[in-house]
Amino acid sequence: MNKDIFSLDKKVIVITGAAGLLGRMHAEAVASFGGFPVLLDINGDKVRELAREITEKFNVPASGMLVDITNEKEVSINCKKIVSEYEKIDGLVLNAANNPKVEQGETKDYSRLENFDLMHWNQDVAVGLTGAFLCSKYYGKEISKNPNGGSIVSISSDLGLIAPDQGLYKKDGVESNLQPVKPITYSVIKSGLIGLTRYLATYWIEEGVRSNAICPGGVENNQSKEFLDKIALRIPLKRMAKQNEYQGVLVWMLSDASSYLNGAIVPVDGGRTAW
């Protein structure tokens, strides 16, 4: 087997929501295999600093760009800018999403479905689904112009495959209308990304554009010991993921190593969705 099939050498990979926790990991994975990560985020200072760090660490021409992916004009202009600078786009990682956490009030928990505000719904859907649609529309079209196509990878979730176990968030001695829950938008958006993945998997197929989704489980990120102990009981591997444990799957999906993978929805969740 030729190990070079995992190479991303000089492939231009656009990553949305790149300033976030997993966005940084995606960027480093691309750069470590020779790709040129183009990092998009609403936080311009943070994403530009990340691009500088990656350029220095991996000796690749990374770029950090301020883009509101919910704004079609901004996405269109940015796409032209990337093509002007790099001459092509080879891959797209649809990673951007809000992490919906609604504050608890004195009389009710606003994360609960019956209390969830339409404004928060619209904001979350705008980033997670409308943004993914707009990025596919523009960056995906550019990928389709390549002689050998390219790859689109959506970052969904295990909660795009299964319902949230609200018992993970339950607190003793708290009234039902104040019990915290995983907000509805997270599951709806991650499920929607799976639908988008399948749609794209056949849309530019004659142009060689493949589309697949990763469904990550939760990542350890300073959660309480109580929560970590609870969720470990729901996962066959008995733990949450480390921050770098999705990098190999991402490189595989973006590279020629997965040349026959298309329309796949791949859970990487320690076995949680196997139960």
Protein backbone atom coordinates (compact mmCIF):
# COMPACT_ATOMS: atom_id res chain seq x y z
CA MET A 1 0.00 0.00 0.00
CA ASN A 2 1.29 3.44 -0.95
CA LYS A 3 1.34 5.64 2.16
CA ASP A 4 1.25 8.73 -0.09
CA ILE A 5 -2.48 8.22 -0.65
CA PHE A 6 -3.00 9.94 2.70
CA SER A 7 -1.08 13.00 1.53
CA LEU A 8 -2.82 16.37 1.30
CA ASP A 9 0.22 17.93 -0.36
CA LYS A 10 -0.68 21.41 -1.64
CA LYS A 11 -4.40 20.72 -1.40
CA VAL A 12 -6.31 23.89 -0.52
CA ILE A 13 -8.76 23.01 2.25
CA VAL A 14 -11.35 25.53 3.48
CA ILE A 15 -12.36 25.01 7.12
CA THR A 16 -15.31 26.89 8.60
CA GLY A 17 -15.53 27.70 12.31
CA ALA A 18 -11.78 27.23 12.39
CA ALA A 19 -11.13 29.25 15.55
CA GLY A 20 -13.08 26.79 17.69
CA LEU A 21 -11.85 23.78 19.63
CA LEU A 22 -12.16 21.19 16.86
CA GLY A 23 -11.50 23.77 14.13
CA ARG A 24 -7.94 24.14 15.38
CA MET A 25 -7.50 20.37 15.39
CA HIS A 26 -8.83 20.14 11.82
CA ALA A 27 -6.43 22.85 10.68
CA GLU A 28 -3.41 21.19 12.26
CA ALA A 29 -4.36 17.83 10.74
CA VAL A 30 -4.57 19.32 7.25
CA ALA A 31 -1.28 21.17 7.64
CA SER A 32 0.58 18.18 9.08
CA PHE A 33 -0.20 16.21 5.91
CA GLY A 34 0.98 19.00 3.62
CA GLY A 35 -2.33 20.72 2.93
CA PHE A 36 -2.90 24.47 2.78
CA PRO A 37 -5.60 25.25 5.39
CA VAL A 38 -7.79 28.28 4.71
CA LEU A 39 -9.37 29.11 8.05
CA LEU A 40 -12.69 30.94 8.19
CA ASP A 41 -14.33 32.29 11.32
CA ILE A 42 -16.42 35.18 12.64
CA ASN A 43 -13.56 35.85 15.08
CA GLY A 44 -11.03 37.42 12.73
CA ASP A 45 -8.24 38.10 15.21
CA LYS A 46 -8.30 34.58 16.61
CA VAL A 47 -8.37 32.83 13.25
CA ARG A 48 -5.59 34.99 11.80
CA GLU A 49 -3.41 34.24 14.82
CA LEU A 50 -4.11 30.54 14.40
CA ALA A 51 -3.09 30.75 10.74
CA ARG A 52 0.21 32.39 11.74
CA GLU A 53 0.88 29.64 14.27
CA ILE A 54 0.16 26.91 11.75
CA THR A 55 2.32 28.53 9.08
CA GLU A 56 5.26 28.68 11.49
CA LYS A 57 4.75 25.19 12.91
CA PHE A 58 4.08 23.27 9.69
CA ASN A 59 5.73 25.49 7.06
CA VAL A 60 2.61 25.72 4.89
CA PRO A 61 0.84 28.86 3.64
CA ALA A 62 -2.15 28.88 5.99
CA SER A 63 -4.61 31.77 5.83
CA GLY A 64 -7.04 33.11 8.42
CA MET A 65 -10.02 35.08 7.12
CA LEU A 66 -12.91 36.89 8.81
CA VAL A 67 -16.12 35.65 7.19
CA ASP A 68 -19.72 35.57 8.36
CA ILE A 69 -20.88 32.38 6.65
CA THR A 70 -24.53 33.34 7.18
CA ASN A 71 -23.99 36.29 4.80
CA GLU A 72 -24.12 35.15 1.17
CA LYS A 73 -22.33 38.22 -0.16
CA GLU A 74 -19.41 37.72 2.25
CA VAL A 75 -19.11 34.04 1.31
CA SER A 76 -19.19 34.85 -2.40
CA ILE A 77 -16.51 37.53 -2.08
CA ASN A 78 -14.35 35.32 0.11
CA CYS A 79 -14.58 32.43 -2.34
CA LYS A 80 -13.29 34.64 -5.14
CA LYS A 81 -10.49 35.86 -2.88
CA ILE A 82 -9.37 32.32 -2.06
CA VAL A 83 -9.36 31.29 -5.72
CA SER A 84 -7.44 34.45 -6.58
CA GLU A 85 -4.77 33.66 -3.97
CA TYR A 86 -4.57 29.86 -4.29
CA GLU A 87 -5.99 29.31 -7.80
CA LYS A 88 -8.22 26.46 -6.63
CA ILE A 89 -10.10 24.84 -3.74
CA ASP A 90 -9.67 21.09 -3.17
CA GLY A 91 -11.64 20.46 0.00
CA LEU A 92 -14.22 21.92 2.35
CA VAL A 93 -14.76 21.09 6.02
CA LEU A 94 -18.19 22.22 7.22
CA ASN A 95 -17.35 22.64 10.89
CA ALA A 96 -18.97 25.92 11.95
CA ALA A 97 -21.79 25.73 14.50
CA ASN A 98 -23.11 27.53 17.50
CA ASN A 99 -22.90 25.61 20.75
CA PRO A 100 -26.35 26.42 22.10
CA LYS A 101 -26.29 27.09 25.82
CA VAL A 102 -29.20 29.17 27.02
CA GLU A 103 -29.00 30.70 30.46
CA GLN A 104 -31.26 29.46 33.23
CA GLY A 105 -33.63 31.99 34.69
CA GLU A 106 -35.18 32.10 38.13
CA THR A 107 -38.46 30.51 37.08
CA LYS A 108 -37.58 28.36 34.05
CA ASP A 109 -34.70 26.91 32.05
CA TYR A 110 -34.59 28.52 28.62
CA SER A 111 -32.77 25.57 27.05
CA ARG A 112 -35.94 23.46 27.36
CA LEU A 113 -38.02 23.03 24.22
CA GLU A 114 -41.15 24.66 25.66
CA ASN A 115 -39.10 27.75 26.61
CA PHE A 116 -36.64 27.86 23.70
CA ASP A 117 -36.64 31.27 22.07
CA LEU A 118 -37.23 31.64 18.32
CA MET A 119 -34.34 34.09 18.12
CA HIS A 120 -31.91 31.44 19.37
CA TRP A 121 -33.40 28.88 16.97
CA ASN A 122 -32.87 31.23 14.01
CA GLN A 123 -29.33 32.11 15.07
CA ASP A 124 -28.28 28.48 15.52
CA VAL A 125 -29.85 27.32 12.25
CA ALA A 126 -28.34 30.27 10.38
CA VAL A 127 -24.81 29.23 11.34
CA GLY A 128 -25.11 25.45 11.37
CA LEU A 129 -27.35 24.84 8.34
CA THR A 130 -27.72 28.01 6.28
CA GLY A 131 -23.98 28.62 6.59
CA ALA A 132 -23.23 25.06 5.49
CA PHE A 133 -25.56 25.49 2.50
CA LEU A 134 -23.92 28.77 1.44
CA CYS A 135 -20.41 27.37 1.82
CA SER A 136 -21.35 24.30 -0.22
CA LYS A 137 -22.91 26.53 -2.86
CA TYR A 138 -19.76 28.60 -3.42
CA TYR A 139 -16.70 26.66 -2.21
CA GLY A 140 -18.22 23.36 -3.34
CA LYS A 141 -18.79 24.74 -6.84
CA GLU A 142 -15.12 25.70 -7.02
CA ILE A 143 -14.12 22.17 -5.96
CA SER A 144 -16.23 20.82 -8.84
CA LYS A 145 -14.11 22.78 -11.32
CA ASN A 146 -10.97 20.77 -10.47
CA PRO A 147 -9.91 18.11 -13.00
CA ASN A 148 -10.00 15.51 -10.21
CA GLY A 149 -12.77 17.00 -8.09
CA GLY A 150 -12.23 16.95 -4.35
CA SER A 151 -13.87 16.27 -1.01
CA ILE A 152 -16.49 17.88 1.23
CA VAL A 153 -16.59 16.77 4.87
CA SER A 154 -19.43 17.74 7.19
CA ILE A 155 -18.85 17.66 10.94
CA SER A 156 -22.11 16.26 12.28
CA SER A 157 -22.40 14.54 15.68
CA ASP A 158 -23.44 11.33 17.38
CA LEU A 159 -26.50 13.42 18.28
CA GLY A 160 -27.27 13.60 14.57
CA LEU A 161 -27.81 9.84 14.80
CA ILE A 162 -29.37 9.40 18.24
CA ALA A 163 -31.43 11.56 20.56
CA PRO A 164 -29.71 13.32 23.45
CA ASP A 165 -29.84 11.44 26.73
CA GLN A 166 -31.24 14.29 28.81
CA GLY A 167 -30.48 12.31 31.96
CA LEU A 168 -26.85 13.35 31.52
CA TYR A 169 -27.78 16.90 32.45
CA LYS A 170 -30.32 16.19 35.19
CA LYS A 171 -29.69 17.78 38.58
CA ASP A 172 -30.99 16.40 41.85
CA GLY A 173 -33.42 18.57 43.74
CA VAL A 174 -34.24 20.77 40.74
CA GLU A 175 -37.84 21.24 39.59
CA SER A 176 -38.74 19.80 36.18
CA ASN A 177 -39.16 23.20 34.50
CA LEU A 178 -35.66 24.14 35.63
CA GLN A 179 -33.91 20.91 34.63
CA PRO A 180 -31.16 21.65 32.06
CA VAL A 181 -31.31 19.87 28.71
CA LYS A 182 -29.37 19.73 25.46
CA PRO A 183 -31.13 22.37 23.33
CA ILE A 184 -33.20 21.21 20.36
CA THR A 185 -31.21 23.11 17.73
CA TYR A 186 -28.09 21.00 18.21
CA SER A 187 -29.77 17.72 17.23
CA VAL A 188 -31.79 19.27 14.41
CA ILE A 189 -28.75 20.93 12.85
CA LYS A 190 -26.49 17.89 13.13
CA SER A 191 -29.23 15.73 11.59
CA GLY A 192 -29.64 18.31 8.84
CA LEU A 193 -25.94 18.12 8.02
CA ILE A 194 -26.35 14.39 7.38
CA GLY A 195 -29.09 15.20 4.86
CA LEU A 196 -26.87 17.82 3.21
CA THR A 197 -24.00 15.32 3.06
CA ARG A 198 -26.11 12.79 1.18
CA TYR A 199 -27.46 15.42 -1.20
CA LEU A 200 -23.96 16.64 -2.07
CA ALA A 201 -22.71 13.07 -2.48
CA THR A 202 -24.62 12.75 -5.75
CA TYR A 203 -24.79 16.37 -6.89
CA TRP A 204 -21.31 16.90 -8.37
CA ILE A 205 -20.49 13.22 -8.74
CA GLU A 206 -19.64 13.49 -12.45
CA GLU A 207 -17.11 16.16 -11.49
CA GLY A 208 -15.52 13.86 -8.89
CA VAL A 209 -16.69 15.70 -5.75
CA ARG A 210 -17.18 13.30 -2.84
CA SER A 211 -19.19 14.19 0.27
CA ASN A 212 -19.03 12.42 3.63
CA ALA A 213 -19.80 13.19 7.27
CA ILE A 214 -18.04 12.56 10.55
CA CYS A 215 -20.31 12.10 13.57
CA PRO A 216 -18.05 12.80 16.55
CA GLY A 217 -18.91 11.95 20.11
CA GLY A 218 -18.29 14.45 22.87
CA VAL A 219 -14.82 15.84 23.53
CA GLU A 220 -13.20 16.20 26.94
CA ASN A 221 -13.04 19.92 27.65
CA ASN A 222 -13.00 20.68 31.37
CA GLN A 223 -16.36 19.06 32.11
CA SER A 224 -17.12 18.21 35.71
CA LYS A 225 -16.11 14.80 37.06
CA GLU A 226 -19.80 14.10 37.70
CA PHE A 227 -20.62 14.60 34.03
CA LEU A 228 -17.59 12.58 32.82
CA ASP A 229 -18.57 9.69 35.08
CA LYS A 230 -22.16 9.78 33.84
CA ILE A 231 -21.33 9.84 30.14
CA ALA A 232 -18.67 7.14 30.48
CA LEU A 233 -21.46 4.71 31.33
CA ARG A 234 -23.07 5.45 27.94
CA ILE A 235 -19.90 4.79 25.88
CA PRO A 236 -18.39 1.33 25.32
CA LEU A 237 -14.85 2.80 25.46
CA LYS A 238 -15.81 4.32 28.84
CA ARG A 239 -14.60 7.85 28.09
CA MET A 240 -15.11 10.92 25.96
CA ALA A 241 -12.79 11.70 23.04
CA LYS A 242 -9.51 13.53 23.27
CA GLN A 243 -9.32 16.66 21.17
CA ASN A 244 -7.04 15.11 18.53
CA GLU A 245 -8.89 11.82 18.05
CA TYR A 246 -10.85 12.94 14.98
CA GLN A 247 -7.84 14.10 13.00
CA GLY A 248 -7.05 10.77 11.36
CA VAL A 249 -10.61 10.31 10.09
CA LEU A 250 -10.63 13.84 8.67
CA VAL A 251 -7.34 13.36 6.80
CA TRP A 252 -8.61 10.04 5.45
CA MET A 253 -11.82 11.63 4.14
CA LEU A 254 -10.00 14.56 2.53
CA SER A 255 -7.28 12.43 0.94
CA ASP A 256 -7.15 9.92 -1.90
CA ALA A 257 -7.10 7.16 0.73
CA SER A 258 -10.91 7.42 0.78
CA SER A 259 -11.34 7.70 -3.01
CA TYR A 260 -14.29 5.26 -3.01
CA LEU A 261 -15.94 6.71 0.11
CA ASN A 262 -18.95 8.81 -0.81
CA GLY A 263 -22.18 9.58 1.03
CA ALA A 264 -20.86 7.86 4.15
CA ILE A 265 -21.99 8.87 7.63
CA VAL A 266 -19.21 7.74 9.94
CA PRO A 267 -19.72 7.73 13.73
CA VAL A 268 -16.51 8.25 15.70
CA ASP A 269 -17.98 8.06 19.16
CA GLY A 270 -16.26 5.33 21.14
CA GLY A 271 -19.12 3.00 20.23
CA ARG A 272 -21.92 5.05 21.75
CA THR A 273 -24.27 4.69 18.77
CA ALA A 274 -23.59 0.94 18.63
CA TRP A 275 -25.67 0.47 21.78
